Amino acid sequence: MALLIAQENFDAEIVALVDPCILQERAACLNIDVELLSFKAESPAQYHRPHTLKIQTLQSVTSVVPGKLDVANSNYVLETIKTATLGCLSGQFQAMVTGPVNKAIISQTGQIFSGHTEFIAELCQTEFPVMLLANEKMRVVLITTHLPLSKVSETITIDRLKNVISISAAELSHRFGIDSPHLLVCGLNPHAGEQGHMGEEEITTITPALNQLREEGIDITGPVPADTAFTPESLKNVDLVVAMYHDQGLPVLKSHGFGDTVNITLGLPIIRTSVDHGTALDLAGTGKASASSLSCAIHQAIALAKYEIKQQSEPH
């Protein structure tokens, strides 16, 4: 993916944290022309030049075979994430962009690893990161993320709803410049519970939480039935849709732009974006993988970083 991205234009300096031997081997395999340049933190930043890629070297433990997972390199993968995160916290980098990782292979090392987001949040000493996915059509935030359906209801609490929604509203204002954002919140059950006949979570948990948030000044519509929440009429003047679980919101979102959707982590002291897909190991090394989501994630990170710099430079 990094090799494909290296061919593009970006109005920022792009630095890949990687073992250069891996890139050189893959470039030869895919017949991609790229010049690898050493990143020097003390040098003035320069815009990315197509067919070049600046790298900060991190050493893998063993060779990497396309499409083949190797537990020996799990710590190398974690080190790339850690180095990028700490670089953002120190101000060396203005934003970080991550690709997909395989959680299972990292967990085989004995480390507790539920995903990038949680790992990054721990490094940032942030207790409550929020997953936002966005494309040109809509933005969707998830109350619960990677959970089996059997665990969703018990995980949705008043405190969790208030945390996710209040962080989302604040970040839309802080990072995206949306004053008084309007949020549309889905119910959990069919027909948003239909007054308790199809489930009581809307009555006992969701509505009380939303009412408290309204009292705090957040503009909220809901809970609404999820099957009509994503219609053009429902989405008019809506800045963000809040979905109760992963497959309530993301299938609709991705149907309007798979490959053009960006994962943005809210609630962190740094800017972090990521792709909207998994590892696709069957495509590794074939030259058939698309880098469109990674490209969108980089452009989004650049836009967020520029907005942050603008805000910091303006008098308050």
Protein backbone atom coordinates (compact mmCIF):
# COMPACT_ATOMS: atom_id res chain seq x y z
CA MET A 1 0.00 0.00 0.00
CA ALA A 2 2.77 2.43 0.91
CA LEU A 3 4.35 1.86 -2.50
CA LEU A 4 1.11 2.71 -4.29
CA ILE A 5 0.66 5.81 -2.16
CA ALA A 6 4.21 6.90 -3.00
CA GLN A 7 3.11 7.50 -6.60
CA GLU A 8 0.57 10.19 -5.60
CA ASN A 9 0.73 13.91 -4.88
CA PHE A 10 0.21 15.13 -1.30
CA ASP A 11 0.54 18.68 0.01
CA ALA A 12 2.38 17.49 3.10
CA GLU A 13 5.46 15.53 4.04
CA ILE A 14 4.67 11.80 4.22
CA VAL A 15 6.85 9.54 6.36
CA ALA A 16 6.50 5.74 6.40
CA LEU A 17 7.62 3.86 9.51
CA VAL A 18 8.86 0.62 8.01
CA ASP A 19 11.71 -1.76 7.37
CA PRO A 20 13.10 -0.52 4.02
CA CYS A 21 14.10 -4.05 3.02
CA ILE A 22 10.42 -5.01 2.97
CA LEU A 23 9.58 -2.11 0.67
CA GLN A 24 12.50 -2.80 -1.64
CA GLU A 25 11.51 -6.46 -1.97
CA ARG A 26 7.90 -5.58 -2.65
CA ALA A 27 8.78 -2.85 -5.15
CA ALA A 28 10.86 -5.35 -7.12
CA CYS A 29 8.07 -7.94 -6.95
CA LEU A 30 5.42 -5.50 -8.20
CA ASN A 31 7.72 -3.63 -10.59
CA ILE A 32 7.06 -0.30 -8.88
CA ASP A 33 9.54 2.53 -9.32
CA VAL A 34 10.14 4.31 -6.01
CA GLU A 35 13.10 6.06 -4.40
CA LEU A 36 13.37 5.55 -0.64
CA LEU A 37 14.64 8.59 1.25
CA SER A 38 15.74 8.74 4.88
CA PHE A 39 13.54 10.96 7.05
CA LYS A 40 15.51 13.50 9.07
CA ALA A 41 13.45 15.08 11.83
CA GLU A 42 15.79 18.06 12.07
CA SER A 43 15.39 18.96 8.38
CA PRO A 44 12.66 21.36 7.19
CA ALA A 45 9.51 19.54 6.09
CA GLN A 46 9.06 19.13 2.34
CA TYR A 47 5.95 18.22 0.38
CA HIS A 48 5.81 14.64 -0.83
CA ARG A 49 7.20 14.04 -4.32
CA PRO A 50 5.61 11.28 -6.43
CA HIS A 51 7.75 8.16 -6.89
CA THR A 52 9.65 8.86 -3.68
CA LEU A 53 8.93 7.86 -0.09
CA LYS A 54 10.55 9.14 3.08
CA ILE A 55 11.05 6.44 5.67
CA GLN A 56 11.96 6.16 9.31
CA THR A 57 13.57 2.77 9.65
CA LEU A 58 12.18 0.16 12.01
CA GLN A 59 13.67 -3.32 11.80
CA SER A 60 11.51 -6.39 11.29
CA VAL A 61 12.60 -9.59 13.03
CA THR A 62 12.22 -11.93 10.08
CA SER A 63 11.50 -11.68 6.38
CA VAL A 64 7.95 -10.89 5.31
CA VAL A 65 6.17 -13.14 2.79
CA PRO A 66 3.18 -11.48 1.08
CA GLY A 67 -0.09 -12.83 2.46
CA LYS A 68 1.61 -14.90 5.19
CA LEU A 69 1.30 -13.91 8.83
CA ASP A 70 4.27 -14.48 11.12
CA VAL A 71 3.96 -14.06 14.88
CA ALA A 72 7.67 -13.24 15.02
CA ASN A 73 6.95 -9.83 13.50
CA SER A 74 4.07 -8.93 15.80
CA ASN A 75 6.24 -6.70 17.98
CA TYR A 76 7.55 -4.97 14.85
CA VAL A 77 3.97 -4.11 13.89
CA LEU A 78 3.25 -2.77 17.39
CA GLU A 79 6.48 -0.77 17.33
CA THR A 80 5.42 1.04 14.14
CA ILE A 81 2.15 2.09 15.81
CA LYS A 82 3.90 3.05 19.04
CA THR A 83 6.58 5.11 17.27
CA ALA A 84 3.98 7.00 15.23
CA THR A 85 1.85 7.69 18.32
CA LEU A 86 4.75 8.93 20.42
CA GLY A 87 5.95 11.02 17.48
CA CYS A 88 2.55 12.73 17.33
CA LEU A 89 2.49 13.28 21.09
CA SER A 90 5.95 14.87 20.99
CA GLY A 91 5.07 17.12 18.05
CA GLN A 92 7.48 15.42 15.65
CA PHE A 93 4.51 14.39 13.51
CA GLN A 94 1.24 16.28 13.05
CA ALA A 95 -0.93 13.23 12.35
CA MET A 96 -0.72 9.48 11.97
CA VAL A 97 -2.39 7.16 9.45
CA THR A 98 -2.65 3.43 10.04
CA GLY A 99 -3.29 0.48 7.77
CA PRO A 100 -5.06 -2.71 8.85
CA VAL A 101 -3.50 -5.23 11.23
CA ASN A 102 -4.41 -8.79 12.12
CA LYS A 103 -5.45 -8.82 15.79
CA ALA A 104 -5.24 -12.60 16.14
CA ILE A 105 -1.58 -12.91 15.18
CA ILE A 106 -0.56 -10.18 17.65
CA SER A 107 -2.61 -11.79 20.40
CA GLN A 108 -0.64 -15.03 19.84
CA THR A 109 2.36 -13.32 21.44
CA GLY A 110 0.47 -13.30 24.73
CA GLN A 111 -0.20 -9.58 24.61
CA ILE A 112 -3.71 -8.31 25.18
CA PHE A 113 -4.49 -6.55 21.90
CA SER A 114 -8.03 -5.69 20.86
CA GLY A 115 -7.02 -3.29 18.09
CA HIS A 116 -5.11 -0.19 16.98
CA THR A 117 -7.54 2.21 18.57
CA GLU A 118 -7.32 0.80 22.07
CA PHE A 119 -3.53 0.44 21.82
CA ILE A 120 -3.13 4.06 20.67
CA ALA A 121 -5.56 5.30 23.32
CA GLU A 122 -3.53 3.59 26.04
CA LEU A 123 -0.33 5.22 24.79
CA CYS A 124 -2.15 8.58 24.81
CA GLN A 125 -3.53 7.86 28.30
CA THR A 126 -7.03 8.35 26.91
CA GLU A 127 -9.78 6.26 28.48
CA PHE A 128 -12.52 6.73 25.91
CA PRO A 129 -11.60 6.75 22.20
CA VAL A 130 -14.51 6.97 19.76
CA MET A 131 -14.67 5.41 16.29
CA LEU A 132 -15.96 7.70 13.55
CA LEU A 133 -16.20 6.58 9.92
CA ALA A 134 -16.82 9.16 7.24
CA ASN A 135 -17.09 9.64 3.50
CA GLU A 136 -18.58 12.32 1.28
CA LYS A 137 -22.12 11.06 1.94
CA MET A 138 -22.24 10.78 5.73
CA ARG A 139 -20.47 10.38 9.06
CA VAL A 140 -21.25 7.51 11.43
CA VAL A 141 -20.14 7.00 15.04
CA LEU A 142 -20.52 3.67 16.84
CA ILE A 143 -21.65 3.27 20.44
CA THR A 144 -20.25 -0.29 20.47
CA THR A 145 -17.60 -1.51 18.06
CA HIS A 146 -16.20 -5.02 17.69
CA LEU A 147 -18.58 -7.02 19.86
CA PRO A 148 -20.76 -10.08 19.24
CA LEU A 149 -24.43 -9.13 19.00
CA SER A 150 -25.13 -11.04 22.20
CA LYS A 151 -22.99 -8.51 24.13
CA VAL A 152 -24.30 -5.29 22.55
CA SER A 153 -27.35 -4.61 24.71
CA GLU A 154 -25.54 -5.04 28.03
CA THR A 155 -22.72 -2.78 26.84
CA ILE A 156 -25.02 0.11 25.96
CA THR A 157 -25.33 2.08 29.19
CA ILE A 158 -26.37 5.66 29.92
CA ASP A 159 -22.76 6.55 30.75
CA ARG A 160 -21.42 4.99 27.55
CA LEU A 161 -24.02 6.76 25.42
CA LYS A 162 -23.26 10.09 27.05
CA ASN A 163 -19.50 9.64 26.67
CA VAL A 164 -19.57 8.67 22.98
CA ILE A 165 -22.11 11.31 21.97
CA SER A 166 -20.62 14.19 23.98
CA ILE A 167 -17.10 13.43 22.68
CA SER A 168 -18.44 13.20 19.13
CA ALA A 169 -20.27 16.51 19.33
CA ALA A 170 -17.24 18.26 20.84
CA GLU A 171 -14.86 16.85 18.22
CA LEU A 172 -17.14 17.82 15.32
CA SER A 173 -16.83 21.37 16.58
CA HIS A 174 -13.13 21.24 17.52
CA ARG A 175 -11.68 19.24 14.62
CA PHE A 176 -14.20 19.82 11.81
CA GLY A 177 -15.33 23.36 12.58
CA ILE A 178 -19.03 22.45 12.76
CA ASP A 179 -20.76 24.79 15.19
CA SER A 180 -23.72 23.24 17.06
CA PRO A 181 -23.65 19.92 15.17
CA HIS A 182 -26.91 18.05 14.69
CA LEU A 183 -26.77 14.34 15.64
CA LEU A 184 -29.25 11.66 14.57
CA VAL A 185 -29.30 8.72 17.00
CA CYS A 186 -30.54 5.27 15.98
CA GLY A 187 -32.52 3.05 18.30
CA LEU A 188 -31.25 -0.41 19.16
CA ASN A 189 -34.36 -2.47 18.44
CA PRO A 190 -36.58 -2.73 15.34
CA HIS A 191 -38.80 0.36 15.07
CA ALA A 192 -36.77 1.86 17.95
CA GLY A 193 -38.52 -0.57 20.32
CA GLU A 194 -42.04 0.50 19.32
CA GLN A 195 -42.85 1.84 22.79
CA GLY A 196 -41.44 -1.22 24.52
CA HIS A 197 -43.19 -3.88 22.44
CA MET A 198 -39.95 -4.82 20.64
CA GLY A 199 -37.45 -4.09 23.39
CA GLU A 200 -37.08 -1.71 26.29
CA GLU A 201 -33.56 -0.33 25.85
CA GLU A 202 -34.92 2.80 24.15
CA ILE A 203 -37.12 3.50 27.18
CA THR A 204 -34.77 2.49 30.00
CA THR A 205 -31.39 3.59 28.62
CA ILE A 206 -31.23 5.42 25.30
CA THR A 207 -33.92 8.07 25.72
CA PRO A 208 -32.84 9.02 29.29
CA ALA A 209 -29.26 9.46 28.07
CA LEU A 210 -30.33 11.57 25.09
CA ASN A 211 -32.52 13.75 27.29
CA GLN A 212 -29.57 14.43 29.60
CA LEU A 213 -27.41 15.33 26.62
CA ARG A 214 -30.07 17.69 25.29
CA GLU A 215 -30.07 19.45 28.64
CA GLU A 216 -26.33 19.94 28.17
CA GLY A 217 -27.00 21.72 24.87
CA ILE A 218 -26.35 19.00 22.29
CA ASP A 219 -28.71 19.04 19.27
CA ILE A 220 -30.06 15.48 19.01
CA THR A 221 -32.84 13.76 17.09
CA GLY A 222 -33.74 10.27 18.28
CA PRO A 223 -33.83 7.53 19.04
CA VAL A 224 -35.15 6.83 15.54
CA PRO A 225 -35.76 3.49 13.79
CA ALA A 226 -32.51 2.46 12.13
CA ASP A 227 -34.25 1.18 9.01
CA THR A 228 -35.26 4.74 8.04
CA ALA A 229 -32.42 6.69 9.67
CA PHE A 230 -30.29 6.66 6.54
CA THR A 231 -32.89 7.86 4.03
CA PRO A 232 -32.10 11.15 2.25
CA GLU A 233 -35.01 12.85 4.02
CA SER A 234 -33.79 11.72 7.47
CA LEU A 235 -30.24 12.82 6.77
CA LYS A 236 -31.12 16.40 5.81
CA ASN A 237 -29.15 18.82 7.99
CA VAL A 238 -27.63 15.91 9.94
CA ASP A 239 -23.90 16.15 10.69
CA LEU A 240 -23.50 12.73 12.29
CA VAL A 241 -25.44 9.48 12.63
CA VAL A 242 -24.96 7.58 15.89
CA ALA A 243 -25.36 3.82 15.43
CA MET A 244 -25.71 1.42 18.34
CA TYR A 245 -23.49 -1.34 16.93
CA HIS A 246 -21.03 -2.10 14.14
CA ASP A 247 -23.31 -3.68 11.54
CA GLN A 248 -26.16 -1.25 12.14
CA GLY A 249 -24.27 1.71 10.75
CA LEU A 250 -21.29 0.57 8.71
CA PRO A 251 -22.97 -1.49 5.97
CA VAL A 252 -25.02 1.56 4.96
CA LEU A 253 -22.05 3.89 5.16
CA LYS A 254 -19.78 1.62 3.12
CA SER A 255 -22.47 1.00 0.51
CA HIS A 256 -22.15 4.72 -0.25
CA GLY A 257 -18.38 4.69 -0.57
CA PHE A 258 -16.41 1.56 0.23
CA GLY A 259 -12.79 2.35 -0.46
CA ASP A 260 -13.49 6.06 -0.05
CA THR A 261 -14.39 5.87 3.63
CA VAL A 262 -12.00 6.93 6.41
CA ASN A 263 -11.82 5.74 10.00
CA ILE A 264 -11.11 8.67 12.34
CA THR A 265 -10.46 8.23 16.05
CA LEU A 266 -12.10 10.91 18.17
CA GLY A 267 -11.25 11.73 21.77
CA LEU A 268 -7.46 11.53 21.35
CA PRO A 269 -4.98 14.37 21.91
CA ILE A 270 -3.56 13.54 18.45
CA ILE A 271 -4.94 13.15 14.93
CA ARG A 272 -5.30 9.54 13.83
CA THR A 273 -7.00 8.26 10.70
CA SER A 274 -7.12 4.79 9.19
CA VAL A 275 -8.51 2.74 6.33
CA ASP A 276 -12.04 1.31 6.20
CA HIS A 277 -11.03 -2.29 5.44
CA GLY A 278 -9.16 -5.31 6.77
CA THR A 279 -5.88 -6.94 5.80
CA ALA A 280 -7.02 -8.68 2.55
CA LEU A 281 -4.19 -11.17 2.80
CA ASP A 282 -5.34 -12.90 -0.39
CA LEU A 283 -4.46 -9.74 -2.36
CA ALA A 284 -1.04 -9.15 -0.77
CA GLY A 285 1.74 -9.16 -3.35
CA THR A 286 -0.64 -9.56 -6.30
CA GLY A 287 -0.76 -5.94 -7.39
CA LYS A 288 -4.56 -6.08 -7.28
CA ALA A 289 -5.09 -4.32 -3.95
CA SER A 290 -6.59 -0.82 -4.01
CA ALA A 291 -4.97 1.97 -2.03
CA SER A 292 -7.98 4.29 -2.37
CA SER A 293 -9.01 4.16 1.30
CA LEU A 294 -5.43 4.72 2.45
CA SER A 295 -5.16 7.68 0.10
CA CYS A 296 -8.41 9.12 1.49
CA ALA A 297 -7.16 8.55 5.05
CA ILE A 298 -3.96 10.47 4.30
CA HIS A 299 -5.82 13.36 2.69
CA GLN A 300 -8.20 13.47 5.67
CA ALA A 301 -5.30 13.50 8.14
CA ILE A 302 -3.68 16.36 6.22
CA ALA A 303 -6.94 18.34 6.24
CA LEU A 304 -7.42 17.82 9.98
CA ALA A 305 -3.82 18.80 10.71
CA LYS A 306 -4.08 21.96 8.62
CA TYR A 307 -7.31 22.94 10.35
CA GLU A 308 -5.68 22.41 13.74
CA ILE A 309 -2.67 24.53 12.76
CA LYS A 310 -5.01 27.27 11.51
CA GLN A 311 -6.97 27.23 14.77
CA GLN A 312 -3.79 27.44 16.83
CA SER A 313 -2.52 30.40 14.83
CA GLU A 314 -5.71 32.45 15.10
CA PRO A 315 -6.12 34.83 18.06
CA HIS A 316 -8.65 33.76 20.69
